[in-house]
Amino acid sequence: MILPRRGLLGAAVLAAGAALPLAARPGAALAQGSAASLTALAARANAGTVGIISGGPDGTYVRIAADLAAVLDDGDTLRVLPILGKGSLQNIADILVLRGVDIGIVQSDVLAYARRERLLPGVDSLIQYIAKLYDEEVHILARPEIGQVQDLAGKPVNVDVRGSGTAMTASLLLGALGLQVEARNEPQDTALERLRRGEIAALVYVAGKPARLFNGIPGDAGLKLLPLPATPALLETYLPAEFRHVDYPALVPEGQTVETVAVGAVMAVYAWPAGHERHRKVARFVEAFTGRFPAFLQPPRHPKWREVNLAAQVPGWVRFTPAR
């Protein structure tokens, strides 16, 4: 078959292209250049990206992580990615094994609990802390007929999902008080609806006050925060704290306070050895965090930042080297 003139020309071009090495073919240099550019871009982006696993959408941890991103993320040398988490125990496990998780916000009693229960081998030597952040209050929100925490014995009480920091602390607290309850493990927003309907007697929630979960509770709902006195047994692990009317206008009458206890929140990190790229990345984060810390003390940042003392020690923990 005789090809038209344009057909002959096209066939010649295709044949010539096929005979050329891949790098010399039309468009190959551009494609390779684009691939190299994307590879370099990916390397730069990942070198400056820090993933911070926090807590659920209604807790304080996620708001703290969002503040870290808002203040420290410069879009060039440092990018901070907040990640929703499933509680302190899971956060520690994620720091140990999950790609993309560099830092986690956890409760300060999580290492002692993991050590006691032998949940995570080598956790003492593999997990360190950057800073103690603030204290988180233990909230026990109960039905109107519950007068004191001892009245919860034998009753259904939600302690958050399994593996959460609240579930861990609730286990330690109730054990210290000698209380046996019918523990439920549902997400806190679901538990709050069940509490309103009278299906459970109370819920336990560990979060920095004021907790957003309680924002929409009307004053005539009848729910109340139970006092949790700081007994000598509790003070071995926890700090005394209180709720005031300004914290929860619908739950604490004006002029009154409700006793409770608090546990510290800690910014935890994997103990990367010096010289490792992940160590250098976290070190850059620490440098930015300490250098720009005054910005966290200004509105609209969470009021809990004003409780942070960067020099505070965390008993039972080792500080990450660049943060010393």
C-alpha atoms as a PDB file:
ATOM      1  CA  MET A   1       0.000   0.000   0.000  1.00  0.00           C
ATOM      2  CA  ILE A   2       1.255   3.461  -0.946  1.00  0.00           C
ATOM      3  CA  LEU A   3       0.899   5.935   1.924  1.00  0.00           C
ATOM      4  CA  PRO A   4       0.005   9.578   1.307  1.00  0.00           C
ATOM      5  CA  ARG A   5       2.801  12.108   1.729  1.00  0.00           C
ATOM      6  CA  ARG A   6       1.656  13.086   5.270  1.00  0.00           C
ATOM      7  CA  GLY A   7       1.405   9.414   6.156  1.00  0.00           C
ATOM      8  CA  LEU A   8       4.937   8.764   5.040  1.00  0.00           C
ATOM      9  CA  LEU A   9       6.204  11.714   7.054  1.00  0.00           C
ATOM     10  CA  GLY A  10       4.333  10.595  10.174  1.00  0.00           C
ATOM     11  CA  ALA A  11       5.575   7.041   9.834  1.00  0.00           C
ATOM     12  CA  ALA A  12       9.145   8.284   9.503  1.00  0.00           C
ATOM     13  CA  VAL A  13       8.824  10.407  12.622  1.00  0.00           C
ATOM     14  CA  LEU A  14       7.348   7.498  14.621  1.00  0.00           C
ATOM     15  CA  ALA A  15      10.067   5.154  13.408  1.00  0.00           C
ATOM     16  CA  ALA A  16      12.783   7.630  14.278  1.00  0.00           C
ATOM     17  CA  GLY A  17      11.260   8.169  17.716  1.00  0.00           C
ATOM     18  CA  ALA A  18      11.110   4.453  18.371  1.00  0.00           C
ATOM     19  CA  ALA A  19      14.766   4.094  17.437  1.00  0.00           C
ATOM     20  CA  LEU A  20      15.867   6.771  19.924  1.00  0.00           C
ATOM     21  CA  PRO A  21      16.751   6.005  23.549  1.00  0.00           C
ATOM     22  CA  LEU A  22      13.976   6.861  26.042  1.00  0.00           C
ATOM     23  CA  ALA A  23      15.797   9.960  27.330  1.00  0.00           C
ATOM     24  CA  ALA A  24      16.115  11.341  23.784  1.00  0.00           C
ATOM     25  CA  ARG A  25      12.485  10.859  22.741  1.00  0.00           C
ATOM     26  CA  PRO A  26      10.288  13.966  22.367  1.00  0.00           C
ATOM     27  CA  GLY A  27       8.799  14.913  25.760  1.00  0.00           C
ATOM     28  CA  ALA A  28      10.949  12.450  27.728  1.00  0.00           C
ATOM     29  CA  ALA A  29      13.281  15.134  29.028  1.00  0.00           C
ATOM     30  CA  LEU A  30      10.293  17.174  30.147  1.00  0.00           C
ATOM     31  CA  ALA A  31       8.728  14.145  31.858  1.00  0.00           C
ATOM     32  CA  GLN A  32      11.970  13.255  33.590  1.00  0.00           C
ATOM     33  CA  GLY A  33      12.452  16.859  34.621  1.00  0.00           C
ATOM     34  CA  SER A  34       8.927  16.936  36.065  1.00  0.00           C
ATOM     35  CA  ALA A  35       9.523  13.680  37.938  1.00  0.00           C
ATOM     36  CA  ALA A  36      12.788  15.001  39.342  1.00  0.00           C
ATOM     37  CA  SER A  37      11.087  18.241  40.365  1.00  0.00           C
ATOM     38  CA  LEU A  38       8.291  16.347  42.098  1.00  0.00           C
ATOM     39  CA  THR A  39      10.808  14.127  43.871  1.00  0.00           C
ATOM     40  CA  ALA A  40      12.735  17.150  45.097  1.00  0.00           C
ATOM     41  CA  LEU A  41       9.499  18.866  46.133  1.00  0.00           C
ATOM     42  CA  ALA A  42       8.384  15.769  48.041  1.00  0.00           C
ATOM     43  CA  ALA A  43      11.736  15.529  49.795  1.00  0.00           C
ATOM     44  CA  ARG A  44      11.589  19.170  50.901  1.00  0.00           C
ATOM     45  CA  ALA A  45       7.960  18.889  52.028  1.00  0.00           C
ATOM     46  CA  ASN A  46       8.509  15.736  54.067  1.00  0.00           C
ATOM     47  CA  ALA A  47      11.730  17.031  55.597  1.00  0.00           C
ATOM     48  CA  GLY A  48       9.808  19.930  57.109  1.00  0.00           C
ATOM     49  CA  THR A  49       6.523  18.184  57.963  1.00  0.00           C
ATOM     50  CA  VAL A  50       5.709  17.088  61.516  1.00  0.00           C
ATOM     51  CA  GLY A  51       2.625  14.994  62.254  1.00  0.00           C
ATOM     52  CA  ILE A  52       1.050  15.564  65.683  1.00  0.00           C
ATOM     53  CA  ILE A  53      -1.531  13.043  66.856  1.00  0.00           C
ATOM     54  CA  SER A  54      -3.964  14.618  69.290  1.00  0.00           C
ATOM     55  CA  GLY A  55      -7.429  13.560  70.479  1.00  0.00           C
ATOM     56  CA  GLY A  56     -11.074  13.471  69.482  1.00  0.00           C
ATOM     57  CA  PRO A  57     -12.866  16.384  67.812  1.00  0.00           C
ATOM     58  CA  ASP A  58     -14.460  17.603  71.052  1.00  0.00           C
ATOM     59  CA  GLY A  59     -11.366  17.441  73.254  1.00  0.00           C
ATOM     60  CA  THR A  60      -8.669  19.918  74.179  1.00  0.00           C
ATOM     61  CA  TYR A  61      -5.822  18.011  72.521  1.00  0.00           C
ATOM     62  CA  VAL A  62      -7.038  18.676  68.999  1.00  0.00           C
ATOM     63  CA  ARG A  63      -7.402  22.394  69.743  1.00  0.00           C
ATOM     64  CA  ILE A  64      -3.852  22.472  71.123  1.00  0.00           C
ATOM     65  CA  ALA A  65      -2.594  20.703  67.987  1.00  0.00           C
ATOM     66  CA  ALA A  66      -4.509  23.187  65.826  1.00  0.00           C
ATOM     67  CA  ASP A  67      -2.838  26.047  67.719  1.00  0.00           C
ATOM     68  CA  LEU A  68       0.569  24.467  67.103  1.00  0.00           C
ATOM     69  CA  ALA A  69      -0.173  24.376  63.379  1.00  0.00           C
ATOM     70  CA  ALA A  70      -1.492  27.944  63.329  1.00  0.00           C
ATOM     71  CA  VAL A  71       1.544  29.418  65.116  1.00  0.00           C
ATOM     72  CA  LEU A  72       4.435  27.250  63.867  1.00  0.00           C
ATOM     73  CA  ASP A  73       3.443  26.297  60.322  1.00  0.00           C
ATOM     74  CA  ASP A  74       5.355  28.587  57.963  1.00  0.00           C
ATOM     75  CA  GLY A  75       4.621  26.556  54.834  1.00  0.00           C
ATOM     76  CA  ASP A  76       8.313  26.316  53.947  1.00  0.00           C
ATOM     77  CA  THR A  77      10.768  24.961  56.507  1.00  0.00           C
ATOM     78  CA  LEU A  78       8.128  23.676  58.943  1.00  0.00           C
ATOM     79  CA  ARG A  79       4.654  22.320  58.349  1.00  0.00           C
ATOM     80  CA  VAL A  80       2.572  20.976  61.240  1.00  0.00           C
ATOM     81  CA  LEU A  81      -0.202  18.464  60.511  1.00  0.00           C
ATOM     82  CA  PRO A  82      -2.709  17.892  63.353  1.00  0.00           C
ATOM     83  CA  ILE A  83      -4.129  14.348  63.389  1.00  0.00           C
ATOM     84  CA  LEU A  84      -7.223  13.172  65.246  1.00  0.00           C
ATOM     85  CA  GLY A  85      -6.292  10.490  67.773  1.00  0.00           C
ATOM     86  CA  LYS A  86      -8.030   7.819  69.835  1.00  0.00           C
ATOM     87  CA  GLY A  87      -6.584   8.442  73.280  1.00  0.00           C
ATOM     88  CA  SER A  88      -3.294   8.429  75.147  1.00  0.00           C
ATOM     89  CA  LEU A  89      -2.523   4.715  74.936  1.00  0.00           C
ATOM     90  CA  GLN A  90      -3.237   4.594  71.231  1.00  0.00           C
ATOM     91  CA  ASN A  91      -1.242   7.793  70.699  1.00  0.00           C
ATOM     92  CA  ILE A  92       1.792   6.235  72.375  1.00  0.00           C
ATOM     93  CA  ALA A  93       1.435   3.139  70.193  1.00  0.00           C
ATOM     94  CA  ASP A  94       1.087   5.324  67.091  1.00  0.00           C
ATOM     95  CA  ILE A  95       4.254   7.257  67.962  1.00  0.00           C
ATOM     96  CA  LEU A  96       6.071   3.925  68.222  1.00  0.00           C
ATOM     97  CA  VAL A  97       4.909   2.306  64.993  1.00  0.00           C
ATOM     98  CA  LEU A  98       2.826   4.573  62.728  1.00  0.00           C
ATOM     99  CA  ARG A  99       4.434   6.324  59.765  1.00  0.00           C
ATOM    100  CA  GLY A 100       3.827  10.051  59.665  1.00  0.00           C
ATOM    101  CA  VAL A 101       3.332  10.421  63.431  1.00  0.00           C
ATOM    102  CA  ASP A 102       6.236  12.314  65.000  1.00  0.00           C
ATOM    103  CA  ILE A 103       4.690  13.783  68.151  1.00  0.00           C
ATOM    104  CA  GLY A 104       1.666  12.966  70.306  1.00  0.00           C
ATOM    105  CA  ILE A 105      -0.248  14.679  73.083  1.00  0.00           C
ATOM    106  CA  VAL A 106      -0.882  12.241  75.939  1.00  0.00           C
ATOM    107  CA  GLN A 107      -1.679  12.140  79.634  1.00  0.00           C
ATOM    108  CA  SER A 108       1.268  12.019  81.985  1.00  0.00           C
ATOM    109  CA  ASP A 109       0.050   8.821  83.685  1.00  0.00           C
ATOM    110  CA  VAL A 110       0.068   6.829  80.430  1.00  0.00           C
ATOM    111  CA  LEU A 111       3.641   5.549  80.802  1.00  0.00           C
ATOM    112  CA  ALA A 112       2.989   4.284  84.321  1.00  0.00           C
ATOM    113  CA  TYR A 113      -0.190   2.557  83.138  1.00  0.00           C
ATOM    114  CA  ALA A 114       1.485   0.989  80.093  1.00  0.00           C
ATOM    115  CA  ARG A 115       4.368  -0.141  82.274  1.00  0.00           C
ATOM    116  CA  ARG A 116       2.071  -1.636  84.909  1.00  0.00           C
ATOM    117  CA  GLU A 117      -0.059  -3.466  82.353  1.00  0.00           C
ATOM    118  CA  ARG A 118       2.974  -4.457  80.219  1.00  0.00           C
ATOM    119  CA  LEU A 119       1.180  -3.182  77.125  1.00  0.00           C
ATOM    120  CA  LEU A 120       4.059  -1.773  75.059  1.00  0.00           C
ATOM    121  CA  PRO A 121       7.474  -3.446  75.342  1.00  0.00           C
ATOM    122  CA  GLY A 122      10.369  -1.037  75.760  1.00  0.00           C
ATOM    123  CA  VAL A 123       8.099   1.986  76.154  1.00  0.00           C
ATOM    124  CA  ASP A 124      10.268   3.493  78.917  1.00  0.00           C
ATOM    125  CA  SER A 125      13.316   3.779  76.673  1.00  0.00           C
ATOM    126  CA  LEU A 126      11.506   4.591  73.401  1.00  0.00           C
ATOM    127  CA  ILE A 127       9.171   7.421  74.463  1.00  0.00           C
ATOM    128  CA  GLN A 128      10.364  10.818  75.727  1.00  0.00           C
ATOM    129  CA  TYR A 129       8.729  14.209  76.226  1.00  0.00           C
ATOM    130  CA  ILE A 130       9.240  17.650  74.736  1.00  0.00           C
ATOM    131  CA  ALA A 131       7.257  19.619  77.324  1.00  0.00           C
ATOM    132  CA  LYS A 132       4.603  19.322  79.963  1.00  0.00           C
ATOM    133  CA  LEU A 133       1.696  21.327  78.643  1.00  0.00           C
ATOM    134  CA  TYR A 134      -1.034  21.855  81.215  1.00  0.00           C
ATOM    135  CA  ASP A 135      -3.283  20.012  83.630  1.00  0.00           C
ATOM    136  CA  GLU A 136      -6.465  18.273  82.482  1.00  0.00           C
ATOM    137  CA  GLU A 137      -9.388  18.085  84.837  1.00  0.00           C
ATOM    138  CA  VAL A 138     -11.408  14.940  85.514  1.00  0.00           C
ATOM    139  CA  HIS A 139     -15.076  15.646  84.718  1.00  0.00           C
ATOM    140  CA  ILE A 140     -17.762  13.358  86.130  1.00  0.00           C
ATOM    141  CA  LEU A 141     -21.053  14.499  84.618  1.00  0.00           C
ATOM    142  CA  ALA A 142     -24.023  12.797  86.247  1.00  0.00           C
ATOM    143  CA  ARG A 143     -27.801  12.556  86.304  1.00  0.00           C
ATOM    144  CA  PRO A 144     -29.741  14.720  88.828  1.00  0.00           C
ATOM    145  CA  GLU A 145     -30.438  11.790  91.164  1.00  0.00           C
ATOM    146  CA  ILE A 146     -26.712  11.069  91.694  1.00  0.00           C
ATOM    147  CA  GLY A 147     -25.571  12.964  94.779  1.00  0.00           C
ATOM    148  CA  GLN A 148     -21.937  11.903  95.131  1.00  0.00           C
ATOM    149  CA  VAL A 149     -19.400   9.787  93.311  1.00  0.00           C
ATOM    150  CA  GLN A 150     -19.995   6.820  95.638  1.00  0.00           C
ATOM    151  CA  ASP A 151     -23.596   6.646  94.349  1.00  0.00           C
ATOM    152  CA  LEU A 152     -22.239   5.392  91.023  1.00  0.00           C
ATOM    153  CA  ALA A 153     -21.389   1.973  92.469  1.00  0.00           C
ATOM    154  CA  GLY A 154     -22.966  -0.732  90.315  1.00  0.00           C
ATOM    155  CA  LYS A 155     -24.433   1.782  87.845  1.00  0.00           C
ATOM    156  CA  PRO A 156     -23.678   2.234  84.111  1.00  0.00           C
ATOM    157  CA  VAL A 157     -20.935   4.827  83.671  1.00  0.00           C
ATOM    158  CA  ASN A 158     -19.326   5.701  80.350  1.00  0.00           C
ATOM    159  CA  VAL A 159     -15.525   5.912  80.494  1.00  0.00           C
ATOM    160  CA  ASP A 160     -14.861   6.623  76.786  1.00  0.00           C
ATOM    161  CA  VAL A 161     -13.579   4.184  74.174  1.00  0.00           C
ATOM    162  CA  ARG A 162     -11.125   1.441  75.092  1.00  0.00           C
ATOM    163  CA  GLY A 163      -7.513   2.608  74.951  1.00  0.00           C
ATOM    164  CA  SER A 164      -8.414   6.246  75.538  1.00  0.00           C
ATOM    165  CA  GLY A 165      -6.749   8.381  78.171  1.00  0.00           C
ATOM    166  CA  THR A 166     -10.076   8.835  79.935  1.00  0.00           C
ATOM    167  CA  ALA A 167     -10.653   5.070  80.130  1.00  0.00           C
ATOM    168  CA  MET A 168      -7.168   4.608  81.552  1.00  0.00           C
ATOM    169  CA  THR A 169      -7.535   7.357  84.162  1.00  0.00           C
ATOM    170  CA  ALA A 170     -11.066   6.261  85.066  1.00  0.00           C
ATOM    171  CA  SER A 171      -9.734   2.767  85.763  1.00  0.00           C
ATOM    172  CA  LEU A 172      -7.027   4.141  88.033  1.00  0.00           C
ATOM    173  CA  LEU A 173      -9.346   6.596  89.825  1.00  0.00           C
ATOM    174  CA  LEU A 174     -12.225   4.207  90.404  1.00  0.00           C
ATOM    175  CA  GLY A 175      -9.782   1.566  91.589  1.00  0.00           C
ATOM    176  CA  ALA A 176      -8.239   4.016  94.067  1.00  0.00           C
ATOM    177  CA  LEU A 177     -11.730   4.883  95.347  1.00  0.00           C
ATOM    178  CA  GLY A 178     -12.761   1.215  95.579  1.00  0.00           C
ATOM    179  CA  LEU A 179     -15.738   1.787  93.250  1.00  0.00           C
ATOM    180  CA  GLN A 180     -17.096  -0.938  90.988  1.00  0.00           C
ATOM    181  CA  VAL A 181     -19.220   0.450  88.154  1.00  0.00           C
ATOM    182  CA  GLU A 182     -20.769  -0.965  85.001  1.00  0.00           C
ATOM    183  CA  ALA A 183     -18.245   0.539  82.602  1.00  0.00           C
ATOM    184  CA  ARG A 184     -19.411   1.525  79.120  1.00  0.00           C
ATOM    185  CA  ASN A 185     -17.005   2.309  76.286  1.00  0.00           C
ATOM    186  CA  GLU A 186     -18.766   4.615  73.864  1.00  0.00           C
ATOM    187  CA  PRO A 187     -17.609   7.866  72.227  1.00  0.00           C
ATOM    188  CA  GLN A 188     -18.255  10.837  74.477  1.00  0.00           C
ATOM    189  CA  ASP A 189     -20.794  12.561  72.220  1.00  0.00           C
ATOM    190  CA  THR A 190     -22.858   9.347  72.102  1.00  0.00           C
ATOM    191  CA  ALA A 191     -22.528   8.955  75.867  1.00  0.00           C
ATOM    192  CA  LEU A 192     -23.753  12.506  76.458  1.00  0.00           C
ATOM    193  CA  GLU A 193     -26.951  11.779  74.538  1.00  0.00           C
ATOM    194  CA  ARG A 194     -27.455   8.556  76.509  1.00  0.00           C
ATOM    195  CA  LEU A 195     -26.920  10.495  79.731  1.00  0.00           C
ATOM    196  CA  ARG A 196     -29.555  13.036  78.737  1.00  0.00           C
ATOM    197  CA  ARG A 197     -32.012  10.198  78.027  1.00  0.00           C
ATOM    198  CA  GLY A 198     -31.294   8.552  81.374  1.00  0.00           C
ATOM    199  CA  GLU A 199     -29.732   5.415  79.869  1.00  0.00           C
ATOM    200  CA  ILE A 200     -26.522   5.800  81.903  1.00  0.00           C
ATOM    201  CA  ALA A 201     -25.895   7.331  85.322  1.00  0.00           C
ATOM    202  CA  ALA A 202     -22.778   9.351  84.477  1.00  0.00           C
ATOM    203  CA  LEU A 203     -19.870   9.822  82.121  1.00  0.00           C
ATOM    204  CA  VAL A 204     -16.204  10.379  82.949  1.00  0.00           C
ATOM    205  CA  TYR A 205     -14.251  12.738  80.715  1.00  0.00           C
ATOM    206  CA  VAL A 206     -10.643  13.894  81.128  1.00  0.00           C
ATOM    207  CA  ALA A 207     -10.126  17.191  79.303  1.00  0.00           C
ATOM    208  CA  GLY A 208      -8.820  20.672  79.913  1.00  0.00           C
ATOM    209  CA  LYS A 209     -11.567  22.996  81.055  1.00  0.00           C
ATOM    210  CA  PRO A 210     -13.666  24.325  79.498  1.00  0.00           C
ATOM    211  CA  ALA A 211     -14.392  21.180  77.467  1.00  0.00           C
ATOM    212  CA  ARG A 212     -16.256  21.905  74.243  1.00  0.00           C
ATOM    213  CA  LEU A 213     -18.300  18.709  74.712  1.00  0.00           C
ATOM    214  CA  PHE A 214     -20.306  20.441  77.441  1.00  0.00           C
ATOM    215  CA  ASN A 215     -20.869  23.735  75.634  1.00  0.00           C
ATOM    216  CA  GLY A 216     -24.368  22.981  74.407  1.00  0.00           C
ATOM    217  CA  ILE A 217     -25.813  21.653  77.661  1.00  0.00           C
ATOM    218  CA  PRO A 218     -28.789  23.838  78.668  1.00  0.00           C
ATOM    219  CA  GLY A 219     -29.062  25.087  82.214  1.00  0.00           C
ATOM    220  CA  ASP A 220     -32.356  23.268  82.777  1.00  0.00           C
ATOM    221  CA  ALA A 221     -31.020  19.840  81.713  1.00  0.00           C
ATOM    222  CA  GLY A 222     -30.529  18.805  85.340  1.00  0.00           C
ATOM    223  CA  LEU A 223     -27.084  17.351  84.714  1.00  0.00           C
ATOM    224  CA  LYS A 224     -24.298  18.225  87.140  1.00  0.00           C
ATOM    225  CA  LEU A 225     -20.595  17.829  87.737  1.00  0.00           C
ATOM    226  CA  LEU A 226     -19.938  15.552  90.700  1.00  0.00           C
ATOM    227  CA  PRO A 227     -17.341  16.567  93.292  1.00  0.00           C
ATOM    228  CA  LEU A 228     -14.233  14.387  93.291  1.00  0.00           C
ATOM    229  CA  PRO A 229     -12.359  15.219  96.502  1.00  0.00           C
ATOM    230  CA  ALA A 230      -8.566  14.959  96.364  1.00  0.00           C
ATOM    231  CA  THR A 231      -8.041  12.099  98.819  1.00  0.00           C
ATOM    232  CA  PRO A 232      -4.512  11.102  99.908  1.00  0.00           C
ATOM    233  CA  ALA A 233      -4.735   8.055  97.625  1.00  0.00           C
ATOM    234  CA  LEU A 234      -5.546  10.222  94.604  1.00  0.00           C
ATOM    235  CA  LEU A 235      -2.921  12.831  95.431  1.00  0.00           C
ATOM    236  CA  GLU A 236      -0.206  10.197  94.968  1.00  0.00           C
ATOM    237  CA  THR A 237      -0.797  10.532  91.222  1.00  0.00           C
ATOM    238  CA  TYR A 238      -3.030  13.548  90.603  1.00  0.00           C
ATOM    239  CA  LEU A 239      -3.291  17.228  91.477  1.00  0.00           C
ATOM    240  CA  PRO A 240      -6.207  19.012  93.196  1.00  0.00           C
ATOM    241  CA  ALA A 241      -8.353  21.158  90.889  1.00  0.00           C
ATOM    242  CA  GLU A 242     -11.796  22.725  90.734  1.00  0.00           C
ATOM    243  CA  PHE A 243     -14.577  23.866  88.411  1.00  0.00           C
ATOM    244  CA  ARG A 244     -16.129  27.314  88.729  1.00  0.00           C
ATOM    245  CA  HIS A 245     -19.216  29.001  87.353  1.00  0.00           C
ATOM    246  CA  VAL A 246     -17.105  30.818  84.764  1.00  0.00           C
ATOM    247  CA  ASP A 247     -15.888  27.436  83.448  1.00  0.00           C
ATOM    248  CA  TYR A 248     -19.366  25.896  83.070  1.00  0.00           C
ATOM    249  CA  PRO A 249     -22.194  28.379  83.689  1.00  0.00           C
ATOM    250  CA  ALA A 250     -24.858  25.729  83.064  1.00  0.00           C
ATOM    251  CA  LEU A 251     -23.295  23.138  85.391  1.00  0.00           C
ATOM    252  CA  VAL A 252     -21.788  25.079  88.313  1.00  0.00           C
ATOM    253  CA  PRO A 253     -23.999  27.583  90.199  1.00  0.00           C
ATOM    254  CA  GLU A 254     -22.634  31.099  90.499  1.00  0.00           C
ATOM    255  CA  GLY A 255     -20.493  31.589  93.586  1.00  0.00           C
ATOM    256  CA  GLN A 256     -19.851  27.845  93.994  1.00  0.00           C
ATOM    257  CA  THR A 257     -16.989  25.522  93.086  1.00  0.00           C
ATOM    258  CA  VAL A 258     -16.814  21.783  92.411  1.00  0.00           C
ATOM    259  CA  GLU A 259     -13.762  19.863  93.609  1.00  0.00           C
ATOM    260  CA  THR A 260     -11.954  17.511  91.253  1.00  0.00           C
ATOM    261  CA  VAL A 261      -8.458  16.288  90.391  1.00  0.00           C
ATOM    262  CA  ALA A 262      -6.265  16.843  87.341  1.00  0.00           C
ATOM    263  CA  VAL A 263      -3.659  14.939  85.331  1.00  0.00           C
ATOM    264  CA  GLY A 264      -0.886  16.536  83.289  1.00  0.00           C
ATOM    265  CA  ALA A 265      -0.878  16.648  79.487  1.00  0.00           C
ATOM    266  CA  VAL A 266       2.476  15.920  77.880  1.00  0.00           C
ATOM    267  CA  MET A 267       3.889  16.437  74.381  1.00  0.00           C
ATOM    268  CA  ALA A 268       5.496  13.040  73.732  1.00  0.00           C
ATOM    269  CA  VAL A 269       7.959  11.991  71.026  1.00  0.00           C
ATOM    270  CA  TYR A 270       9.859   8.938  69.852  1.00  0.00           C
ATOM    271  CA  ALA A 271      13.420   8.812  71.203  1.00  0.00           C
ATOM    272  CA  TRP A 272      15.154   9.188  67.847  1.00  0.00           C
ATOM    273  CA  PRO A 273      18.959   9.018  68.111  1.00  0.00           C
ATOM    274  CA  ALA A 274      20.928  12.214  67.416  1.00  0.00           C
ATOM    275  CA  GLY A 275      21.890  12.451  63.761  1.00  0.00           C
ATOM    276  CA  HIS A 276      18.783  10.651  62.503  1.00  0.00           C
ATOM    277  CA  GLU A 277      16.704  12.683  60.035  1.00  0.00           C
ATOM    278  CA  ARG A 278      13.562  12.289  62.188  1.00  0.00           C
ATOM    279  CA  HIS A 279      15.562  13.570  65.182  1.00  0.00           C
ATOM    280  CA  ARG A 280      16.614  16.646  63.193  1.00  0.00           C
ATOM    281  CA  LYS A 281      13.040  17.254  62.083  1.00  0.00           C
ATOM    282  CA  VAL A 282      11.663  17.125  65.618  1.00  0.00           C
ATOM    283  CA  ALA A 283      14.563  19.285  66.803  1.00  0.00           C
ATOM    284  CA  ARG A 284      13.518  21.970  64.298  1.00  0.00           C
ATOM    285  CA  PHE A 285       9.998  21.767  65.651  1.00  0.00           C
ATOM    286  CA  VAL A 286      11.264  22.158  69.232  1.00  0.00           C
ATOM    287  CA  GLU A 287      13.346  25.182  68.262  1.00  0.00           C
ATOM    288  CA  ALA A 288      10.337  26.851  66.616  1.00  0.00           C
ATOM    289  CA  PHE A 289       8.040  25.919  69.512  1.00  0.00           C
ATOM    290  CA  THR A 290      10.267  27.437  72.183  1.00  0.00           C
ATOM    291  CA  GLY A 291      11.188  30.464  70.068  1.00  0.00           C
ATOM    292  CA  ARG A 292       7.604  31.384  69.255  1.00  0.00           C
ATOM    293  CA  PHE A 293       6.058  30.329  72.547  1.00  0.00           C
ATOM    294  CA  PRO A 294       4.854  33.854  73.515  1.00  0.00           C
ATOM    295  CA  ALA A 295       2.433  33.725  70.565  1.00  0.00           C
ATOM    296  CA  PHE A 296       0.584  30.848  72.246  1.00  0.00           C
ATOM    297  CA  LEU A 297      -0.250  33.100  75.198  1.00  0.00           C
ATOM    298  CA  GLN A 298      -2.278  35.533  73.082  1.00  0.00           C
ATOM    299  CA  PRO A 299      -5.887  35.248  71.852  1.00  0.00           C
ATOM    300  CA  PRO A 300      -7.333  33.399  70.022  1.00  0.00           C
ATOM    301  CA  ARG A 301      -5.170  30.547  71.343  1.00  0.00           C
ATOM    302  CA  HIS A 302      -6.624  28.148  73.907  1.00  0.00           C
ATOM    303  CA  PRO A 303      -6.515  29.543  77.469  1.00  0.00           C
ATOM    304  CA  LYS A 304      -4.737  26.374  78.640  1.00  0.00           C
ATOM    305  CA  TRP A 305      -1.513  27.656  77.049  1.00  0.00           C
ATOM    306  CA  ARG A 306      -1.247  30.187  79.869  1.00  0.00           C
ATOM    307  CA  GLU A 307      -0.723  27.294  82.285  1.00  0.00           C
ATOM    308  CA  VAL A 308       2.312  25.921  80.432  1.00  0.00           C
ATOM    309  CA  ASN A 309       5.737  26.127  82.055  1.00  0.00           C
ATOM    310  CA  LEU A 310       8.383  25.020  79.563  1.00  0.00           C
ATOM    311  CA  ALA A 311      10.834  24.254  82.372  1.00  0.00           C
ATOM    312  CA  ALA A 312       8.435  21.906  84.201  1.00  0.00           C
ATOM    313  CA  GLN A 313       9.643  18.354  84.761  1.00  0.00           C
ATOM    314  CA  VAL A 314       7.507  15.241  84.276  1.00  0.00           C
ATOM    315  CA  PRO A 315       8.232  12.555  86.909  1.00  0.00           C
ATOM    316  CA  GLY A 316       8.963   9.176  85.365  1.00  0.00           C
ATOM    317  CA  TRP A 317       9.736  10.620  81.916  1.00  0.00           C
ATOM    318  CA  VAL A 318      12.982  11.498  80.063  1.00  0.00           C
ATOM    319  CA  ARG A 319      13.115  14.796  78.178  1.00  0.00           C
ATOM    320  CA  PHE A 320      13.870  14.771  74.449  1.00  0.00           C
ATOM    321  CA  THR A 321      17.485  15.965  74.070  1.00  0.00           C
ATOM    322  CA  PRO A 322      16.976  19.152  71.995  1.00  0.00           C
ATOM    323  CA  ALA A 323      14.316  20.248  74.474  1.00  0.00           C
ATOM    324  CA  ARG A 324      16.641  20.166  77.490  1.00  0.00           C
END
